[in-house]
C-alpha cells in the first residue's frame, strides 16, 4: 500500500534548499530560477518555449527500440529545464501536493523510481504493441505511476506527457494533443490519476484510447 504524504524528518531545513525558494519580488508565485524571472506569465512562456525545443531534441535521442529508464526521465527533465532551474533533472527534496492529490514523500522517491524502472518502464517500453488496448494500457500505467511519484519540484505532468509522446512515437503514432483535456475531461484526467493509488488504470487507459484515436487520424492526414 502506498504511504501517506508526510513531512521530511525534522533535521532537514528545507527552506534552505534552492528548490524551496521563490524568486525575490515574485510574490511567491515563481520558483527561484537561473533567469531571474519574477512573473508567472513570463515563466510559463519560457517553460513552454523550452519544452518545444527539448522535445525536438528528445525525438533525436530516443528511438523506437529504446527502453526507458529512470536516468532517461531525469535526462528529459534536465534537457527541458536545465537553463531555467539549478535543480533540473534531480529528484525533489521537498514534499508537494496539489489539491486533494498527495504525491510520494521526497524520501520515498529514489525507491519508487527504482520500482518504476524495474516494473512499468521495463514492461511497457519500448512501446511496440499490437493493439490499441495494449498501447493504451502501457501508456496509462507508466503515466499514472510517474505522476503519482512526482519526482521533481516542478514540471512532472509535462515530463510525463513528453514521455507519453515518446512512447507514442515508438508505437507508430503521432504525438498526442493533450490540450483536449480541459473542462470535464480535465476533471476525468485527475480522477484517473487518483484511481492509480489503488492500481486502477482503467480510467486512464480510456483517456489514452481516446487520445490514440485522435493521434491515428492525425497520422493519416
N, C-alpha and C. Protein backbone atom coordinates (compact mmCIF):
# COMPACT_ATOMS: atom_id res chain seq x y z
N UNK A 1 0.85 -1.20 0.00
CA UNK A 1 0.00 0.00 0.00
C UNK A 1 0.88 1.24 0.00
N UNK A 2 0.47 2.26 -0.73
CA UNK A 2 1.25 3.49 -0.78
C UNK A 2 1.21 4.19 0.57
N UNK A 3 2.34 4.76 0.98
CA UNK A 3 2.39 5.50 2.22
C UNK A 3 1.77 6.88 2.03
N UNK A 4 1.19 7.40 3.09
CA UNK A 4 0.58 8.72 3.01
C UNK A 4 1.64 9.80 3.02
N UNK A 5 1.26 10.96 2.50
CA UNK A 5 2.13 12.12 2.46
C UNK A 5 2.53 12.51 3.88
N UNK A 6 3.82 12.76 4.11
CA UNK A 6 4.27 13.19 5.42
C UNK A 6 5.45 14.14 5.27
N UNK A 7 5.80 14.80 6.36
CA UNK A 7 6.90 15.73 6.32
C UNK A 7 8.23 15.00 6.35
N UNK A 8 9.29 15.70 5.88
CA UNK A 8 10.63 15.16 6.00
C UNK A 8 11.04 15.17 7.46
N UNK A 9 12.01 14.32 7.84
CA UNK A 9 12.47 14.33 9.22
C UNK A 9 12.87 15.74 9.66
N UNK A 10 12.68 16.04 10.94
CA UNK A 10 12.91 17.38 11.45
C UNK A 10 14.30 17.93 11.25
N UNK A 11 15.32 17.09 11.10
CA UNK A 11 16.68 17.59 10.98
C UNK A 11 16.93 18.27 9.64
N UNK A 12 16.01 18.15 8.71
CA UNK A 12 16.17 18.79 7.40
C UNK A 12 15.48 20.14 7.39
N UNK A 13 16.24 21.20 7.10
CA UNK A 13 15.66 22.53 6.97
C UNK A 13 15.46 22.79 5.49
N UNK A 14 14.27 22.43 4.97
CA UNK A 14 14.03 22.50 3.54
C UNK A 14 13.99 23.93 3.03
N UNK A 15 13.80 24.90 3.93
CA UNK A 15 13.73 26.29 3.50
C UNK A 15 15.04 26.77 2.90
N UNK A 16 16.14 26.07 3.20
CA UNK A 16 17.44 26.46 2.67
C UNK A 16 17.73 25.85 1.31
N UNK A 17 16.90 24.92 0.88
CA UNK A 17 17.09 24.30 -0.42
C UNK A 17 16.68 25.25 -1.53
N UNK A 18 17.43 25.24 -2.64
CA UNK A 18 17.12 26.13 -3.76
C UNK A 18 15.72 25.88 -4.30
N UNK A 19 15.31 24.61 -4.31
CA UNK A 19 14.01 24.28 -4.89
C UNK A 19 12.85 24.69 -3.99
N UNK A 20 13.14 25.07 -2.74
CA UNK A 20 12.10 25.50 -1.83
C UNK A 20 11.95 27.02 -1.80
N UNK A 21 12.79 27.72 -2.56
CA UNK A 21 12.79 29.18 -2.52
C UNK A 21 12.08 29.77 -3.74
N UNK A 22 11.51 30.94 -3.53
CA UNK A 22 10.85 31.67 -4.61
C UNK A 22 11.73 32.83 -5.06
N UNK A 23 11.54 33.22 -6.29
CA UNK A 23 12.30 34.35 -6.83
C UNK A 23 11.88 35.63 -6.09
N UNK A 24 12.86 36.39 -5.57
CA UNK A 24 12.52 37.63 -4.88
C UNK A 24 11.70 38.56 -5.78
N UNK A 25 10.64 39.11 -5.22
CA UNK A 25 9.79 40.00 -5.98
C UNK A 25 8.70 39.31 -6.78
N UNK A 26 8.62 37.97 -6.67
CA UNK A 26 7.61 37.22 -7.44
C UNK A 26 6.33 36.98 -6.65
N UNK A 27 6.29 37.47 -5.40
CA UNK A 27 5.13 37.26 -4.53
C UNK A 27 4.84 35.77 -4.35
N UNK A 28 5.92 34.99 -4.27
CA UNK A 28 5.83 33.53 -4.05
C UNK A 28 5.04 32.82 -5.14
N UNK A 29 5.14 33.33 -6.35
CA UNK A 29 4.45 32.71 -7.49
C UNK A 29 5.40 32.05 -8.46
N UNK A 30 6.70 32.40 -8.39
CA UNK A 30 7.69 31.85 -9.32
C UNK A 30 8.86 31.32 -8.51
N UNK A 31 9.24 30.06 -8.76
CA UNK A 31 10.36 29.47 -8.05
C UNK A 31 11.66 30.17 -8.45
N UNK A 32 12.60 30.21 -7.51
CA UNK A 32 13.90 30.82 -7.77
C UNK A 32 14.52 30.15 -8.99
N UNK A 33 14.98 30.95 -9.93
CA UNK A 33 15.43 30.39 -11.20
C UNK A 33 16.71 31.07 -11.70
N UNK A 34 17.33 30.48 -12.69
CA UNK A 34 18.60 30.95 -13.22
C UNK A 34 18.45 32.20 -14.09
N UNK A 35 17.23 32.51 -14.49
CA UNK A 35 16.99 33.62 -15.41
C UNK A 35 16.48 34.86 -14.70
N UNK A 36 16.24 34.75 -13.40
CA UNK A 36 15.75 35.89 -12.65
C UNK A 36 14.34 36.30 -13.01
N UNK A 37 13.56 35.37 -13.55
CA UNK A 37 12.18 35.67 -13.94
C UNK A 37 11.29 35.75 -12.70
N UNK A 38 10.48 36.80 -12.63
CA UNK A 38 9.63 37.02 -11.47
C UNK A 38 8.15 36.92 -11.77
N UNK A 39 7.79 37.02 -13.04
CA UNK A 39 6.37 37.00 -13.41
C UNK A 39 5.95 35.60 -13.88
N UNK A 40 4.83 35.13 -13.35
CA UNK A 40 4.35 33.79 -13.66
C UNK A 40 4.07 33.63 -15.15
N UNK A 41 3.49 34.64 -15.77
CA UNK A 41 3.18 34.56 -17.21
C UNK A 41 4.46 34.43 -18.03
N UNK A 42 5.49 35.15 -17.66
CA UNK A 42 6.77 35.06 -18.38
C UNK A 42 7.41 33.69 -18.19
N UNK A 43 7.32 33.16 -16.96
CA UNK A 43 7.88 31.83 -16.72
C UNK A 43 7.13 30.77 -17.52
N UNK A 44 5.80 30.88 -17.60
CA UNK A 44 5.03 29.93 -18.40
C UNK A 44 5.46 29.97 -19.86
N UNK A 45 5.70 31.18 -20.36
CA UNK A 45 6.13 31.34 -21.75
C UNK A 45 7.50 30.69 -21.98
N UNK A 46 8.42 30.94 -21.08
CA UNK A 46 9.77 30.38 -21.22
C UNK A 46 9.75 28.87 -21.10
N UNK A 47 9.03 28.35 -20.12
CA UNK A 47 8.96 26.90 -19.96
C UNK A 47 8.34 26.24 -21.18
N UNK A 48 7.31 26.88 -21.75
CA UNK A 48 6.68 26.33 -22.96
C UNK A 48 7.62 26.34 -24.14
N UNK A 49 8.36 27.42 -24.29
CA UNK A 49 9.32 27.52 -25.38
C UNK A 49 10.43 26.49 -25.24
N UNK A 50 10.93 26.33 -24.02
CA UNK A 50 11.98 25.35 -23.76
C UNK A 50 11.47 23.92 -23.97
N UNK A 51 10.20 23.69 -23.69
CA UNK A 51 9.63 22.35 -23.87
C UNK A 51 9.60 21.97 -25.34
N UNK A 52 9.22 22.89 -26.19
CA UNK A 52 9.20 22.61 -27.63
C UNK A 52 10.60 22.28 -28.14
N UNK A 53 11.58 23.06 -27.73
CA UNK A 53 12.96 22.81 -28.15
C UNK A 53 13.46 21.48 -27.60
N UNK A 54 13.10 21.20 -26.34
CA UNK A 54 13.54 19.95 -25.71
C UNK A 54 12.96 18.74 -26.43
N UNK A 55 11.68 18.80 -26.79
CA UNK A 55 11.07 17.64 -27.43
C UNK A 55 11.70 17.36 -28.80
N UNK A 56 12.04 18.40 -29.52
CA UNK A 56 12.73 18.21 -30.81
C UNK A 56 14.07 17.51 -30.62
N UNK A 57 14.73 17.81 -29.50
CA UNK A 57 15.99 17.14 -29.19
C UNK A 57 15.76 15.70 -28.75
N UNK A 58 14.71 15.51 -27.96
CA UNK A 58 14.43 14.17 -27.41
C UNK A 58 14.09 13.16 -28.49
N UNK A 59 13.37 13.59 -29.53
CA UNK A 59 13.00 12.64 -30.58
C UNK A 59 14.22 12.22 -31.41
N UNK A 60 15.28 13.01 -31.32
CA UNK A 60 16.52 12.60 -31.98
C UNK A 60 17.33 11.65 -31.11
N UNK A 61 17.11 11.72 -29.81
CA UNK A 61 17.88 10.89 -28.87
C UNK A 61 17.27 9.50 -28.71
N UNK A 62 15.93 9.46 -28.57
CA UNK A 62 15.27 8.20 -28.22
C UNK A 62 14.53 7.62 -29.43
N UNK A 63 14.94 6.42 -29.81
CA UNK A 63 14.35 5.76 -30.96
C UNK A 63 13.26 4.77 -30.61
N UNK A 64 12.78 4.06 -31.61
CA UNK A 64 11.65 3.15 -31.44
C UNK A 64 11.98 1.93 -30.60
N UNK A 65 13.26 1.60 -30.48
CA UNK A 65 13.62 0.39 -29.74
C UNK A 65 14.19 0.69 -28.35
N UNK A 66 14.08 1.93 -27.92
CA UNK A 66 14.69 2.30 -26.64
C UNK A 66 13.83 1.89 -25.46
N UNK A 67 14.47 1.31 -24.46
CA UNK A 67 13.79 1.01 -23.19
C UNK A 67 14.13 2.12 -22.20
N UNK A 68 13.11 2.83 -21.77
CA UNK A 68 13.35 3.98 -20.91
C UNK A 68 13.72 3.56 -19.49
N UNK A 69 14.53 4.39 -18.87
CA UNK A 69 14.99 4.16 -17.50
C UNK A 69 14.72 5.41 -16.67
N UNK A 70 14.97 5.32 -15.37
CA UNK A 70 14.81 6.49 -14.52
C UNK A 70 15.83 7.57 -14.90
N UNK A 71 17.01 7.14 -15.36
CA UNK A 71 18.01 8.11 -15.81
C UNK A 71 17.49 8.89 -17.01
N UNK A 72 16.73 8.23 -17.87
CA UNK A 72 16.14 8.92 -19.03
C UNK A 72 15.10 9.94 -18.57
N UNK A 73 14.31 9.59 -17.58
CA UNK A 73 13.30 10.51 -17.07
C UNK A 73 13.98 11.77 -16.53
N UNK A 74 15.07 11.58 -15.79
CA UNK A 74 15.83 12.72 -15.27
C UNK A 74 16.45 13.51 -16.41
N UNK A 75 16.90 12.82 -17.43
CA UNK A 75 17.51 13.50 -18.59
C UNK A 75 16.49 14.35 -19.32
N UNK A 76 15.28 13.83 -19.47
CA UNK A 76 14.21 14.58 -20.12
C UNK A 76 13.97 15.89 -19.37
N UNK A 77 13.89 15.79 -18.05
CA UNK A 77 13.67 16.97 -17.22
C UNK A 77 14.84 17.95 -17.34
N UNK A 78 16.05 17.42 -17.35
CA UNK A 78 17.25 18.26 -17.43
C UNK A 78 17.34 18.97 -18.78
N UNK A 79 17.08 18.25 -19.86
CA UNK A 79 17.13 18.86 -21.19
C UNK A 79 16.10 19.98 -21.31
N UNK A 80 14.94 19.75 -20.72
CA UNK A 80 13.87 20.75 -20.79
C UNK A 80 14.16 21.98 -19.93
N UNK A 81 14.48 21.78 -18.64
CA UNK A 81 14.54 22.89 -17.69
C UNK A 81 15.93 23.23 -17.19
N UNK A 82 16.94 22.63 -17.82
CA UNK A 82 18.32 22.87 -17.37
C UNK A 82 18.76 24.32 -17.43
N UNK A 83 18.18 25.09 -18.35
CA UNK A 83 18.54 26.51 -18.47
C UNK A 83 17.73 27.39 -17.51
N UNK A 84 16.75 26.78 -16.86
CA UNK A 84 15.82 27.57 -16.03
C UNK A 84 16.05 27.37 -14.54
N UNK A 85 16.20 26.10 -14.11
CA UNK A 85 16.32 25.81 -12.68
C UNK A 85 17.62 25.05 -12.39
N UNK A 86 18.32 25.38 -11.30
CA UNK A 86 19.57 24.69 -10.97
C UNK A 86 19.37 23.23 -10.57
N UNK A 87 18.16 22.88 -10.17
CA UNK A 87 17.88 21.51 -9.72
C UNK A 87 17.22 20.66 -10.80
N UNK A 88 17.19 21.14 -12.03
CA UNK A 88 16.57 20.38 -13.13
C UNK A 88 17.25 19.01 -13.27
N UNK A 89 16.44 17.98 -13.42
CA UNK A 89 16.97 16.63 -13.58
C UNK A 89 17.29 15.92 -12.28
N UNK A 90 17.05 16.58 -11.15
CA UNK A 90 17.34 15.98 -9.85
C UNK A 90 16.04 15.75 -9.09
N UNK A 91 16.00 14.66 -8.34
CA UNK A 91 14.81 14.36 -7.55
C UNK A 91 14.58 15.46 -6.51
N UNK A 92 13.32 15.79 -6.28
CA UNK A 92 13.00 16.83 -5.31
C UNK A 92 13.31 16.37 -3.89
N UNK A 93 13.56 17.35 -3.04
CA UNK A 93 13.83 17.08 -1.62
C UNK A 93 12.78 17.70 -0.72
N UNK A 94 11.73 18.21 -1.33
CA UNK A 94 10.62 18.77 -0.56
C UNK A 94 9.35 18.00 -0.91
N UNK A 95 8.41 17.99 0.00
CA UNK A 95 7.14 17.32 -0.23
C UNK A 95 6.17 18.26 -0.92
N UNK A 96 5.38 17.73 -1.84
CA UNK A 96 4.44 18.55 -2.59
C UNK A 96 3.09 17.86 -2.69
N UNK A 97 2.05 18.67 -2.91
CA UNK A 97 0.70 18.15 -3.13
C UNK A 97 -0.01 19.12 -4.04
N UNK A 98 -1.13 18.67 -4.62
CA UNK A 98 -1.93 19.52 -5.49
C UNK A 98 -3.39 19.22 -5.23
N UNK A 99 -4.07 20.16 -4.58
CA UNK A 99 -5.45 19.91 -4.22
C UNK A 99 -5.57 18.69 -3.32
N UNK A 100 -6.37 17.74 -3.74
CA UNK A 100 -6.55 16.50 -2.96
C UNK A 100 -5.49 15.45 -3.27
N UNK A 101 -4.65 15.72 -4.28
CA UNK A 101 -3.62 14.76 -4.65
C UNK A 101 -2.38 14.93 -3.77
N UNK A 102 -2.03 13.89 -3.07
CA UNK A 102 -0.82 13.92 -2.26
C UNK A 102 0.20 12.96 -2.88
N UNK A 103 1.27 13.53 -3.34
CA UNK A 103 2.26 12.73 -4.06
C UNK A 103 3.24 12.08 -3.09
N UNK A 104 4.09 11.22 -3.62
CA UNK A 104 5.04 10.49 -2.78
C UNK A 104 5.92 11.46 -1.99
N UNK A 105 6.25 11.08 -0.77
CA UNK A 105 7.16 11.91 0.02
C UNK A 105 8.55 11.88 -0.61
N UNK A 106 9.29 12.94 -0.39
CA UNK A 106 10.60 13.07 -1.02
C UNK A 106 11.52 11.90 -0.67
N UNK A 107 11.45 11.43 0.55
CA UNK A 107 12.33 10.34 0.97
C UNK A 107 12.04 9.03 0.25
N UNK A 108 10.83 8.89 -0.30
CA UNK A 108 10.44 7.66 -1.00
C UNK A 108 10.86 7.65 -2.47
N UNK A 109 11.16 8.81 -3.02
CA UNK A 109 11.31 8.93 -4.47
C UNK A 109 12.37 7.99 -5.07
N UNK A 110 13.59 7.93 -4.54
CA UNK A 110 14.58 7.03 -5.16
C UNK A 110 14.10 5.59 -5.24
N UNK A 111 13.48 5.11 -4.16
CA UNK A 111 12.99 3.73 -4.15
C UNK A 111 11.84 3.54 -5.13
N UNK A 112 10.91 4.49 -5.15
CA UNK A 112 9.76 4.37 -6.05
C UNK A 112 10.17 4.48 -7.51
N UNK A 113 11.14 5.32 -7.80
CA UNK A 113 11.62 5.43 -9.18
C UNK A 113 12.34 4.15 -9.61
N UNK A 114 13.02 3.52 -8.68
CA UNK A 114 13.64 2.22 -8.99
C UNK A 114 12.58 1.18 -9.30
N UNK A 115 11.48 1.22 -8.55
CA UNK A 115 10.37 0.31 -8.82
C UNK A 115 9.75 0.60 -10.18
N UNK A 116 9.66 1.88 -10.52
CA UNK A 116 9.12 2.26 -11.83
C UNK A 116 10.01 1.72 -12.95
N UNK A 117 11.31 1.80 -12.75
CA UNK A 117 12.24 1.31 -13.77
C UNK A 117 12.18 -0.20 -13.92
N UNK A 118 12.11 -0.89 -12.81
CA UNK A 118 12.12 -2.36 -12.84
C UNK A 118 10.75 -2.96 -13.11
N UNK A 119 9.72 -2.11 -13.10
CA UNK A 119 8.36 -2.57 -13.38
C UNK A 119 7.82 -1.99 -14.67
N UNK A 120 7.01 -0.94 -14.60
CA UNK A 120 6.36 -0.38 -15.79
C UNK A 120 7.30 0.01 -16.93
N UNK A 121 8.41 0.67 -16.63
CA UNK A 121 9.30 1.07 -17.72
C UNK A 121 9.92 -0.15 -18.41
N UNK A 122 10.22 -1.15 -17.64
CA UNK A 122 10.79 -2.38 -18.22
C UNK A 122 9.72 -3.15 -19.00
N UNK A 123 8.50 -3.19 -18.46
CA UNK A 123 7.44 -3.99 -19.06
C UNK A 123 6.80 -3.33 -20.29
N UNK A 124 6.77 -2.01 -20.31
CA UNK A 124 5.98 -1.31 -21.33
C UNK A 124 6.78 -0.46 -22.30
N UNK A 125 8.11 -0.44 -22.15
CA UNK A 125 8.93 0.24 -23.16
C UNK A 125 10.03 -0.72 -23.61
N UNK A 126 10.39 -0.68 -24.92
CA UNK A 126 9.77 0.16 -25.94
C UNK A 126 8.29 -0.17 -26.13
N UNK A 127 7.51 0.86 -26.44
CA UNK A 127 6.05 0.73 -26.54
C UNK A 127 5.68 0.28 -27.95
N UNK A 128 5.82 -1.00 -28.19
CA UNK A 128 5.55 -1.53 -29.53
C UNK A 128 4.62 -2.73 -29.40
N UNK A 129 3.34 -2.43 -29.21
CA UNK A 129 2.35 -3.47 -29.01
C UNK A 129 1.40 -3.54 -30.21
N UNK A 130 0.68 -4.63 -30.29
CA UNK A 130 -0.14 -4.90 -31.48
C UNK A 130 -1.49 -4.20 -31.48
N UNK A 131 -2.07 -4.01 -30.32
CA UNK A 131 -3.43 -3.47 -30.27
C UNK A 131 -3.48 -2.12 -29.57
N UNK A 132 -4.54 -1.37 -29.87
CA UNK A 132 -4.75 -0.08 -29.22
C UNK A 132 -4.90 -0.27 -27.72
N UNK A 133 -5.58 -1.34 -27.33
CA UNK A 133 -5.80 -1.60 -25.91
C UNK A 133 -4.48 -1.80 -25.17
N UNK A 134 -3.56 -2.53 -25.79
CA UNK A 134 -2.26 -2.77 -25.17
C UNK A 134 -1.44 -1.48 -25.08
N UNK A 135 -1.48 -0.70 -26.13
CA UNK A 135 -0.75 0.57 -26.14
C UNK A 135 -1.32 1.51 -25.08
N UNK A 136 -2.65 1.59 -25.02
CA UNK A 136 -3.30 2.48 -24.05
C UNK A 136 -2.98 2.07 -22.62
N UNK A 137 -2.96 0.77 -22.36
CA UNK A 137 -2.63 0.31 -21.00
C UNK A 137 -1.18 0.64 -20.67
N UNK A 138 -0.28 0.42 -21.61
CA UNK A 138 1.14 0.73 -21.37
C UNK A 138 1.31 2.20 -21.02
N UNK A 139 0.68 3.05 -21.80
CA UNK A 139 0.76 4.49 -21.56
C UNK A 139 0.14 4.86 -20.23
N UNK A 140 -1.01 4.26 -19.92
CA UNK A 140 -1.73 4.59 -18.69
C UNK A 140 -0.92 4.24 -17.45
N UNK A 141 -0.37 3.05 -17.42
CA UNK A 141 0.38 2.60 -16.24
C UNK A 141 1.61 3.47 -16.00
N UNK A 142 2.40 3.67 -17.05
CA UNK A 142 3.61 4.48 -16.92
C UNK A 142 3.26 5.91 -16.52
N UNK A 143 2.26 6.48 -17.17
CA UNK A 143 1.89 7.86 -16.91
C UNK A 143 1.39 8.05 -15.48
N UNK A 144 0.47 7.22 -15.05
CA UNK A 144 -0.10 7.36 -13.71
C UNK A 144 0.98 7.19 -12.64
N UNK A 145 1.79 6.15 -12.78
CA UNK A 145 2.80 5.90 -11.76
C UNK A 145 3.82 7.03 -11.67
N UNK A 146 4.23 7.57 -12.82
CA UNK A 146 5.20 8.66 -12.81
C UNK A 146 4.60 9.92 -12.18
N UNK A 147 3.36 10.23 -12.52
CA UNK A 147 2.72 11.42 -11.95
C UNK A 147 2.54 11.27 -10.44
N UNK A 148 2.16 10.09 -9.97
CA UNK A 148 1.97 9.89 -8.54
C UNK A 148 3.28 9.98 -7.76
N UNK A 149 4.36 9.54 -8.37
CA UNK A 149 5.66 9.69 -7.71
C UNK A 149 6.04 11.16 -7.67
N UNK A 150 5.80 11.88 -8.77
CA UNK A 150 6.09 13.32 -8.84
C UNK A 150 7.55 13.57 -8.44
N UNK A 151 8.50 13.03 -9.18
CA UNK A 151 9.89 13.05 -8.73
C UNK A 151 10.56 14.42 -8.69
N UNK A 152 10.02 15.41 -9.39
CA UNK A 152 10.69 16.70 -9.50
C UNK A 152 9.89 17.81 -8.81
N UNK A 153 10.59 18.89 -8.52
CA UNK A 153 9.95 20.02 -7.84
C UNK A 153 8.94 20.71 -8.74
N UNK A 154 9.16 20.68 -10.04
CA UNK A 154 8.29 21.37 -11.00
C UNK A 154 8.32 20.61 -12.31
N UNK A 155 7.19 20.60 -13.04
CA UNK A 155 7.16 20.05 -14.39
C UNK A 155 6.90 18.58 -14.51
N UNK A 156 6.38 17.93 -13.46
CA UNK A 156 6.17 16.48 -13.50
C UNK A 156 5.13 16.06 -14.53
N UNK A 157 4.02 16.79 -14.59
CA UNK A 157 2.98 16.44 -15.55
C UNK A 157 3.47 16.55 -16.98
N UNK A 158 4.24 17.60 -17.25
CA UNK A 158 4.73 17.80 -18.61
C UNK A 158 5.81 16.79 -18.97
N UNK A 159 6.64 16.39 -18.01
CA UNK A 159 7.61 15.32 -18.26
C UNK A 159 6.87 14.02 -18.57
N UNK A 160 5.83 13.73 -17.80
CA UNK A 160 5.04 12.52 -18.04
C UNK A 160 4.38 12.56 -19.41
N UNK A 161 3.94 13.75 -19.84
CA UNK A 161 3.32 13.87 -21.16
C UNK A 161 4.36 13.73 -22.27
N UNK A 162 5.54 14.29 -22.06
CA UNK A 162 6.60 14.12 -23.06
C UNK A 162 7.00 12.66 -23.19
N UNK A 163 7.08 11.96 -22.07
CA UNK A 163 7.40 10.54 -22.11
C UNK A 163 6.29 9.78 -22.85
N UNK A 164 5.04 10.14 -22.60
CA UNK A 164 3.93 9.51 -23.31
C UNK A 164 4.03 9.75 -24.80
N UNK A 165 4.43 10.96 -25.20
CA UNK A 165 4.59 11.27 -26.63
C UNK A 165 5.72 10.44 -27.24
N UNK A 166 6.81 10.27 -26.50
CA UNK A 166 7.92 9.46 -27.00
C UNK A 166 7.51 8.00 -27.13
N UNK A 167 6.71 7.52 -26.20
CA UNK A 167 6.18 6.16 -26.30
C UNK A 167 5.22 6.04 -27.47
N UNK A 168 4.43 7.08 -27.70
CA UNK A 168 3.51 7.08 -28.84
C UNK A 168 4.28 6.96 -30.15
N UNK A 169 5.37 7.67 -30.26
CA UNK A 169 6.20 7.59 -31.47
C UNK A 169 6.75 6.18 -31.64
N UNK A 170 7.10 5.53 -30.54
CA UNK A 170 7.57 4.15 -30.62
C UNK A 170 6.47 3.24 -31.15
N UNK A 171 5.23 3.58 -30.84
CA UNK A 171 4.09 2.78 -31.28
C UNK A 171 3.63 3.15 -32.69
N UNK A 172 4.35 4.08 -33.32
CA UNK A 172 4.00 4.47 -34.68
C UNK A 172 2.89 5.50 -34.75
N UNK A 173 2.64 6.18 -33.64
CA UNK A 173 1.60 7.20 -33.58
C UNK A 173 2.21 8.60 -33.64
N UNK A 174 1.36 9.58 -33.86
CA UNK A 174 1.78 10.97 -33.76
C UNK A 174 1.73 11.38 -32.29
N UNK A 175 2.49 12.41 -31.89
CA UNK A 175 2.39 12.90 -30.52
C UNK A 175 0.95 13.30 -30.20
N UNK A 176 0.60 13.20 -28.94
CA UNK A 176 -0.78 13.44 -28.52
C UNK A 176 -1.10 14.94 -28.40
N UNK A 177 -2.36 15.26 -28.57
CA UNK A 177 -2.85 16.62 -28.34
C UNK A 177 -3.50 16.65 -26.96
N UNK A 178 -2.69 16.94 -25.94
CA UNK A 178 -3.20 16.93 -24.57
C UNK A 178 -4.07 18.15 -24.28
N UNK A 179 -4.11 19.11 -25.20
CA UNK A 179 -4.92 20.31 -24.97
C UNK A 179 -6.41 19.99 -24.93
N UNK A 180 -6.79 18.81 -25.43
CA UNK A 180 -8.22 18.43 -25.41
C UNK A 180 -8.68 18.08 -24.00
N UNK A 181 -7.72 17.88 -23.08
CA UNK A 181 -8.07 17.51 -21.70
C UNK A 181 -8.35 18.76 -20.89
N UNK A 182 -9.47 19.37 -21.16
CA UNK A 182 -9.88 20.57 -20.45
C UNK A 182 -11.35 20.43 -20.04
N UNK A 183 -11.76 21.28 -19.11
CA UNK A 183 -13.12 21.22 -18.63
C UNK A 183 -13.44 19.88 -17.97
N UNK A 184 -14.51 19.23 -18.40
CA UNK A 184 -14.91 17.95 -17.83
C UNK A 184 -13.85 16.89 -18.02
N UNK A 185 -13.19 16.90 -19.17
CA UNK A 185 -12.16 15.89 -19.43
C UNK A 185 -10.95 16.08 -18.52
N UNK A 186 -10.67 17.32 -18.15
CA UNK A 186 -9.58 17.57 -17.22
C UNK A 186 -9.90 16.98 -15.85
N UNK A 187 -11.14 17.12 -15.42
CA UNK A 187 -11.57 16.52 -14.16
C UNK A 187 -11.48 15.00 -14.22
N UNK A 188 -11.84 14.43 -15.37
CA UNK A 188 -11.74 12.98 -15.54
C UNK A 188 -10.29 12.53 -15.48
N UNK A 189 -9.41 13.36 -16.03
CA UNK A 189 -7.97 13.04 -16.00
C UNK A 189 -7.46 12.96 -14.56
N UNK A 190 -7.80 13.95 -13.75
CA UNK A 190 -7.33 13.96 -12.36
C UNK A 190 -7.96 12.81 -11.56
N UNK A 191 -9.20 12.48 -11.88
CA UNK A 191 -9.84 11.34 -11.23
C UNK A 191 -9.12 10.04 -11.60
N UNK A 192 -8.66 9.96 -12.84
CA UNK A 192 -7.93 8.77 -13.30
C UNK A 192 -6.58 8.66 -12.60
N UNK A 193 -5.95 9.81 -12.34
CA UNK A 193 -4.69 9.80 -11.59
C UNK A 193 -4.94 9.29 -10.18
N UNK A 194 -5.99 9.79 -9.55
CA UNK A 194 -6.31 9.36 -8.18
C UNK A 194 -6.63 7.87 -8.12
N UNK A 195 -7.27 7.35 -9.15
CA UNK A 195 -7.57 5.91 -9.18
C UNK A 195 -6.30 5.08 -9.16
N UNK A 196 -5.20 5.67 -9.60
CA UNK A 196 -3.93 4.96 -9.61
C UNK A 196 -3.41 4.61 -8.24
N UNK A 197 -3.89 5.29 -7.20
CA UNK A 197 -3.48 4.93 -5.84
C UNK A 197 -3.88 3.50 -5.52
N UNK A 198 -4.94 3.02 -6.18
CA UNK A 198 -5.41 1.64 -5.98
C UNK A 198 -4.99 0.73 -7.13
N UNK A 199 -4.00 1.19 -7.90
CA UNK A 199 -3.51 0.43 -9.07
C UNK A 199 -4.63 0.19 -10.09
N UNK A 200 -5.54 1.13 -10.16
CA UNK A 200 -6.65 1.05 -11.12
C UNK A 200 -6.31 1.99 -12.28
N UNK A 201 -6.00 1.41 -13.44
CA UNK A 201 -5.55 2.21 -14.58
C UNK A 201 -6.60 2.26 -15.70
N UNK A 202 -7.80 1.72 -15.43
CA UNK A 202 -8.81 1.64 -16.49
C UNK A 202 -9.23 3.01 -17.00
N UNK A 203 -9.48 3.93 -16.07
CA UNK A 203 -9.93 5.27 -16.48
C UNK A 203 -8.86 5.97 -17.31
N UNK A 204 -7.59 5.86 -16.90
CA UNK A 204 -6.53 6.50 -17.67
C UNK A 204 -6.34 5.78 -19.01
N UNK A 205 -6.53 4.47 -19.02
CA UNK A 205 -6.47 3.73 -20.27
C UNK A 205 -7.52 4.21 -21.26
N UNK A 206 -8.71 4.51 -20.75
CA UNK A 206 -9.79 5.02 -21.60
C UNK A 206 -9.43 6.39 -22.16
N UNK A 207 -8.80 7.22 -21.34
CA UNK A 207 -8.37 8.55 -21.80
C UNK A 207 -7.33 8.41 -22.91
N UNK A 208 -6.37 7.53 -22.71
CA UNK A 208 -5.34 7.35 -23.73
C UNK A 208 -5.90 6.70 -24.99
N UNK A 209 -6.90 5.85 -24.85
CA UNK A 209 -7.54 5.27 -26.04
C UNK A 209 -8.13 6.37 -26.91
N UNK A 210 -8.75 7.36 -26.24
CA UNK A 210 -9.30 8.49 -26.98
C UNK A 210 -8.21 9.32 -27.64
N UNK A 211 -7.12 9.54 -26.93
CA UNK A 211 -6.00 10.30 -27.49
C UNK A 211 -5.35 9.54 -28.65
N UNK A 212 -5.29 8.22 -28.55
CA UNK A 212 -4.73 7.40 -29.63
C UNK A 212 -5.60 7.54 -30.87
N UNK A 213 -6.92 7.52 -30.68
CA UNK A 213 -7.83 7.67 -31.82
C UNK A 213 -7.60 8.98 -32.55
N UNK A 214 -7.43 10.05 -31.80
CA UNK A 214 -7.17 11.36 -32.41
C UNK A 214 -5.80 11.39 -33.07
N UNK A 215 -4.80 10.77 -32.42
CA UNK A 215 -3.45 10.74 -32.99
C UNK A 215 -3.40 9.92 -34.27
N UNK A 216 -4.20 8.84 -34.32
CA UNK A 216 -4.23 8.00 -35.51
C UNK A 216 -4.82 8.75 -36.69
N UNK A 217 -5.88 9.53 -36.43
CA UNK A 217 -6.47 10.33 -37.51
C UNK A 217 -5.47 11.38 -37.99
N UNK A 218 -4.74 11.97 -37.07
CA UNK A 218 -3.76 12.98 -37.44
C UNK A 218 -2.65 12.36 -38.27
N UNK A 219 -2.28 11.13 -37.93
CA UNK A 219 -1.22 10.43 -38.66
C UNK A 219 -1.63 10.17 -40.10
N UNK A 220 -2.93 9.92 -40.31
CA UNK A 220 -3.40 9.56 -41.66
C UNK A 220 -3.58 10.79 -42.55
N UNK A 221 -3.72 11.97 -41.92
CA UNK A 221 -3.97 13.18 -42.72
C UNK A 221 -2.67 13.84 -43.15
